[in-house]
Amino acid sequence: MIGIIGAMGVEIKRLSAAIEGKKTVTISGIEYHSGRLCGKEVVTAACGIGKVAAAVCAQTMILKFKPELIINTGVAGSLSPELGVGDIAIAEFSVQHDMDTSPIGDPVGFISGINLVKIPSSERVTRLLEQSIRMLGGVKSLKGTVASGDQFINCFDRKKFIVETFGAVACDMECASIAQVCYINGMDFGAVRAISDSADDDSHVDYARFLETAAENASEAVKRFLELH
């Protein structure tokens, strides 16, 4: 079984709607839909916005459904001039840009317990995600670090900080949290995040305009991944 998590319904609805033989169970207010999609056993969920919601969903999915891997799909803000609206960022690494214990001597972003700043995605899953996006045709992708935090980035100064501190190519609010849960459970993880905005002073305007298109691109990439896996 393959687990697929998006934050909002719009990020996961196309995938959940296409599941054959769908069964739905609600745990802690989150709906998990299981069945077959593109010939594979899957479970999908819209976890809710933010790192805590994402972690609750991922850990519950692992314990209840025992997937072999988890894919995070959805939208993100661009931190790279190479990624425009509709393009896709592939998480080679994930960081939590709002994690900061530097006053006691840790690097910014250091996660105690796993003792990492950058959480690596599965190389195998990342490679298949790259192939999946190439199958779409006309959709550009960039592999790199995705930075997550409990903030909608709408400020050039914060964007600049994240880029300079972590070298990230995109930002969101869930990816690194799900990556951390997978890491501590020894589970393969991968993420595709389609660009909805530029994480700048106008990001709230672009986000509203391009959310649906970006979410659809990410969902199509996940479908191609299922076909290849």
Protein backbone atom coordinates (compact mmCIF):
# COMPACT_ATOMS: atom_id res chain seq x y z
CA MET A 1 0.00 0.00 0.00
CA ILE A 2 1.11 3.55 -0.80
CA GLY A 3 0.10 6.43 1.44
CA ILE A 4 -0.70 9.82 -0.10
CA ILE A 5 -1.17 12.92 2.05
CA GLY A 6 -2.22 16.43 1.05
CA ALA A 7 -3.04 19.26 3.43
CA MET A 8 -6.31 20.47 1.92
CA GLY A 9 -9.15 18.74 0.14
CA VAL A 10 -8.30 20.50 -3.12
CA GLU A 11 -4.85 18.90 -3.03
CA ILE A 12 -6.13 15.35 -2.68
CA LYS A 13 -9.69 15.31 -4.05
CA ARG A 14 -8.82 14.16 -7.60
CA LEU A 15 -6.88 11.21 -6.26
CA SER A 16 -9.44 10.22 -3.63
CA ALA A 17 -12.33 10.49 -6.11
CA ALA A 18 -10.61 8.07 -8.51
CA ILE A 19 -10.10 5.29 -5.95
CA GLU A 20 -11.87 2.04 -6.86
CA GLY A 21 -13.55 0.01 -4.14
CA LYS A 22 -13.12 2.91 -1.78
CA LYS A 23 -13.47 2.45 1.96
CA THR A 24 -13.44 5.45 4.28
CA VAL A 25 -12.58 5.59 7.95
CA THR A 26 -12.37 8.72 10.12
CA ILE A 27 -9.75 8.90 12.85
CA SER A 28 -9.18 12.01 14.97
CA GLY A 29 -11.30 14.01 12.53
CA ILE A 30 -9.25 13.01 9.46
CA GLU A 31 -10.82 10.89 6.69
CA TYR A 32 -8.66 8.10 5.25
CA HIS A 33 -9.77 6.67 1.89
CA SER A 34 -8.36 3.28 0.90
CA GLY A 35 -8.74 1.17 -2.23
CA ARG A 36 -7.09 0.83 -5.64
CA LEU A 37 -5.78 3.67 -7.77
CA CYS A 38 -3.87 3.17 -11.03
CA GLY A 39 -3.71 -0.52 -10.19
CA LYS A 40 -2.08 0.02 -6.78
CA GLU A 41 -3.38 -0.27 -3.23
CA VAL A 42 -3.45 3.25 -1.77
CA VAL A 43 -4.68 5.25 1.18
CA THR A 44 -5.23 9.00 0.85
CA ALA A 45 -5.91 11.72 3.40
CA ALA A 46 -6.27 15.48 3.64
CA CYS A 47 -4.48 16.12 6.90
CA GLY A 48 -5.28 19.76 7.50
CA ILE A 49 -2.96 22.75 7.41
CA GLY A 50 0.25 22.93 9.41
CA LYS A 51 2.96 20.71 10.84
CA VAL A 52 1.04 19.27 13.79
CA ALA A 53 -1.94 18.23 11.67
CA ALA A 54 0.40 16.67 9.13
CA ALA A 55 2.31 14.72 11.78
CA VAL A 56 -0.89 13.40 13.38
CA CYS A 57 -2.11 12.21 9.98
CA ALA A 58 1.16 10.59 8.94
CA GLN A 59 1.65 8.69 12.18
CA THR A 60 -1.96 7.50 12.20
CA MET A 61 -1.66 6.38 8.57
CA ILE A 62 1.47 4.40 9.38
CA LEU A 63 -0.05 2.67 12.41
CA LYS A 64 -3.48 1.98 10.90
CA PHE A 65 -2.69 1.17 7.27
CA LYS A 66 1.01 0.17 7.32
CA PRO A 67 1.94 1.65 3.90
CA GLU A 68 5.32 0.85 2.40
CA LEU A 69 5.91 4.54 1.64
CA ILE A 70 4.23 7.92 1.92
CA ILE A 71 4.00 10.61 -0.76
CA ASN A 72 3.19 14.19 0.19
CA THR A 73 1.41 16.09 -2.58
CA GLY A 74 0.06 19.61 -2.84
CA VAL A 75 1.07 23.18 -3.55
CA ALA A 76 3.95 25.39 -2.47
CA GLY A 77 5.47 28.82 -2.78
CA SER A 78 8.45 29.18 -5.09
CA LEU A 79 11.80 30.16 -3.61
CA SER A 80 13.68 29.71 -6.90
CA PRO A 81 13.63 31.76 -10.10
CA GLU A 82 13.60 28.41 -11.91
CA LEU A 83 10.13 27.52 -10.60
CA GLY A 84 7.06 29.36 -11.85
CA VAL A 85 3.36 28.78 -11.28
CA GLY A 86 2.39 25.22 -12.20
CA ASP A 87 5.96 23.92 -12.08
CA ILE A 88 6.77 21.19 -9.56
CA ALA A 89 9.32 21.07 -6.75
CA ILE A 90 10.52 17.59 -5.80
CA ALA A 91 11.74 17.30 -2.21
CA GLU A 92 15.23 15.83 -2.20
CA PHE A 93 15.49 17.09 1.39
CA SER A 94 13.01 18.69 3.79
CA VAL A 95 13.71 21.28 6.48
CA GLN A 96 11.65 23.03 9.15
CA HIS A 97 12.49 26.71 8.68
CA ASP A 98 10.73 27.77 11.89
CA MET A 99 12.60 25.27 14.09
CA ASP A 100 15.22 27.27 16.01
CA THR A 101 17.18 26.24 19.08
CA SER A 102 20.21 28.24 18.00
CA PRO A 103 20.34 30.19 21.32
CA ILE A 104 21.60 26.97 22.97
CA GLY A 105 24.15 26.29 20.25
CA ASP A 106 22.27 24.28 17.63
CA PRO A 107 22.19 25.16 13.93
CA VAL A 108 19.00 26.90 12.80
CA GLY A 109 16.54 24.20 11.75
CA PHE A 110 18.17 21.49 13.87
CA ILE A 111 15.63 18.81 14.91
CA SER A 112 16.48 17.27 18.26
CA GLY A 113 16.00 13.52 18.50
CA ILE A 114 16.90 12.80 14.90
CA ASN A 115 19.73 15.35 15.05
CA LEU A 116 19.31 16.60 11.50
CA VAL A 117 18.57 19.88 9.79
CA LYS A 118 17.83 18.40 6.37
CA ILE A 119 15.72 15.23 6.31
CA PRO A 120 16.49 13.16 3.19
CA SER A 121 13.75 11.76 0.98
CA SER A 122 14.04 8.25 -0.41
CA GLU A 123 16.38 8.30 -3.40
CA ARG A 124 14.33 5.60 -5.11
CA VAL A 125 11.05 7.44 -4.63
CA THR A 126 12.58 10.76 -5.70
CA ARG A 127 13.95 9.21 -8.87
CA LEU A 128 10.54 7.76 -9.76
CA LEU A 129 8.85 11.11 -9.07
CA GLU A 130 11.26 12.80 -11.48
CA GLN A 131 10.37 10.23 -14.15
CA SER A 132 6.67 10.72 -13.41
CA ILE A 133 6.81 14.46 -14.02
CA ARG A 134 8.69 13.97 -17.29
CA MET A 135 5.77 11.78 -18.39
CA LEU A 136 3.38 14.71 -17.98
CA GLY A 137 5.02 16.75 -20.72
CA GLY A 138 5.21 20.53 -20.56
CA VAL A 139 5.60 20.63 -16.78
CA LYS A 140 8.94 21.79 -15.44
CA SER A 141 10.37 20.33 -12.24
CA LEU A 142 13.27 21.10 -9.93
CA LYS A 143 14.72 18.79 -7.29
CA GLY A 144 15.97 20.36 -4.08
CA THR A 145 15.16 21.28 -0.49
CA VAL A 146 11.57 22.05 0.50
CA ALA A 147 11.22 24.23 3.61
CA SER A 148 8.18 23.83 5.86
CA GLY A 149 6.88 25.95 8.70
CA ASP A 150 3.68 27.10 10.33
CA GLN A 151 3.63 30.27 8.26
CA PHE A 152 2.16 31.24 4.89
CA ILE A 153 5.16 33.05 3.40
CA ASN A 154 4.02 36.48 2.25
CA CYS A 155 7.12 38.55 2.92
CA PHE A 156 10.24 39.06 0.82
CA ASP A 157 12.49 39.28 3.90
CA ARG A 158 11.29 35.92 5.26
CA LYS A 159 11.64 34.37 1.82
CA LYS A 160 15.21 35.68 1.61
CA PHE A 161 16.02 34.25 5.04
CA ILE A 162 14.78 30.77 4.11
CA VAL A 163 16.71 30.74 0.84
CA GLU A 164 19.93 32.00 2.40
CA THR A 165 19.72 29.74 5.46
CA PHE A 166 18.62 26.47 3.87
CA GLY A 167 19.10 26.83 0.10
CA ALA A 168 15.47 25.80 -0.33
CA VAL A 169 13.67 25.87 -3.69
CA ALA A 170 10.09 25.88 -2.35
CA CYS A 171 8.16 26.41 0.88
CA ASP A 172 5.03 24.89 2.36
CA MET A 173 3.50 24.08 5.74
CA GLU A 174 3.55 20.26 6.00
CA CYS A 175 6.21 18.44 3.96
CA ALA A 176 9.04 18.40 6.51
CA SER A 177 6.72 17.30 9.30
CA ILE A 178 5.59 14.26 7.31
CA ALA A 179 9.22 13.60 6.37
CA GLN A 180 10.19 13.59 10.05
CA VAL A 181 7.44 11.11 10.94
CA CYS A 182 8.53 8.82 8.10
CA TYR A 183 12.17 9.15 9.13
CA ILE A 184 11.59 8.07 12.73
CA ASN A 185 9.46 5.15 11.49
CA GLY A 186 12.08 4.01 8.97
CA MET A 187 9.64 4.56 6.10
CA ASP A 188 10.35 5.75 2.55
CA PHE A 189 9.13 9.27 1.84
CA GLY A 190 8.81 11.50 -1.20
CA ALA A 191 7.09 14.78 -2.00
CA VAL A 192 5.87 16.71 -5.03
CA ARG A 193 4.78 20.30 -4.55
CA ALA A 194 3.37 22.28 -7.47
CA ILE A 195 3.96 26.03 -7.38
CA SER A 196 0.94 28.22 -6.64
CA ASP A 197 2.72 31.48 -5.80
CA SER A 198 6.11 33.15 -5.42
CA ALA A 199 6.14 33.42 -1.60
CA ASP A 200 6.52 37.19 -1.87
CA ASP A 201 4.42 40.21 -0.93
CA ASP A 202 1.77 39.24 -3.53
CA SER A 203 1.68 35.53 -2.73
CA HIS A 204 -1.82 35.66 -1.23
CA VAL A 205 -3.19 36.97 -4.56
CA ASP A 206 -1.39 34.40 -6.72
CA TYR A 207 -2.28 31.56 -4.35
CA ALA A 208 -6.00 32.21 -4.71
CA ARG A 209 -5.73 32.37 -8.52
CA PHE A 210 -3.53 29.35 -9.13
CA LEU A 211 -4.30 26.91 -6.30
CA GLU A 212 -6.53 24.62 -8.38
CA THR A 213 -4.16 24.44 -11.36
CA ALA A 214 -1.13 23.76 -9.21
CA ALA A 215 -2.92 21.08 -7.18
CA GLU A 216 -4.01 19.32 -10.37
CA ASN A 217 -0.42 19.19 -11.67
CA ALA A 218 0.80 17.63 -8.44
CA SER A 219 -2.02 15.07 -8.48
CA GLU A 220 -1.23 14.06 -12.05
CA ALA A 221 2.41 13.55 -11.09
CA VAL A 222 1.32 11.22 -8.27
CA LYS A 223 -0.84 9.20 -10.68
CA ARG A 224 2.12 8.73 -13.01
CA PHE A 225 4.22 7.68 -10.02
CA LEU A 226 1.67 4.98 -9.19
CA GLU A 227 1.80 3.73 -12.75
CA LEU A 228 5.62 3.47 -12.59
CA HIS A 229 5.96 2.08 -9.08
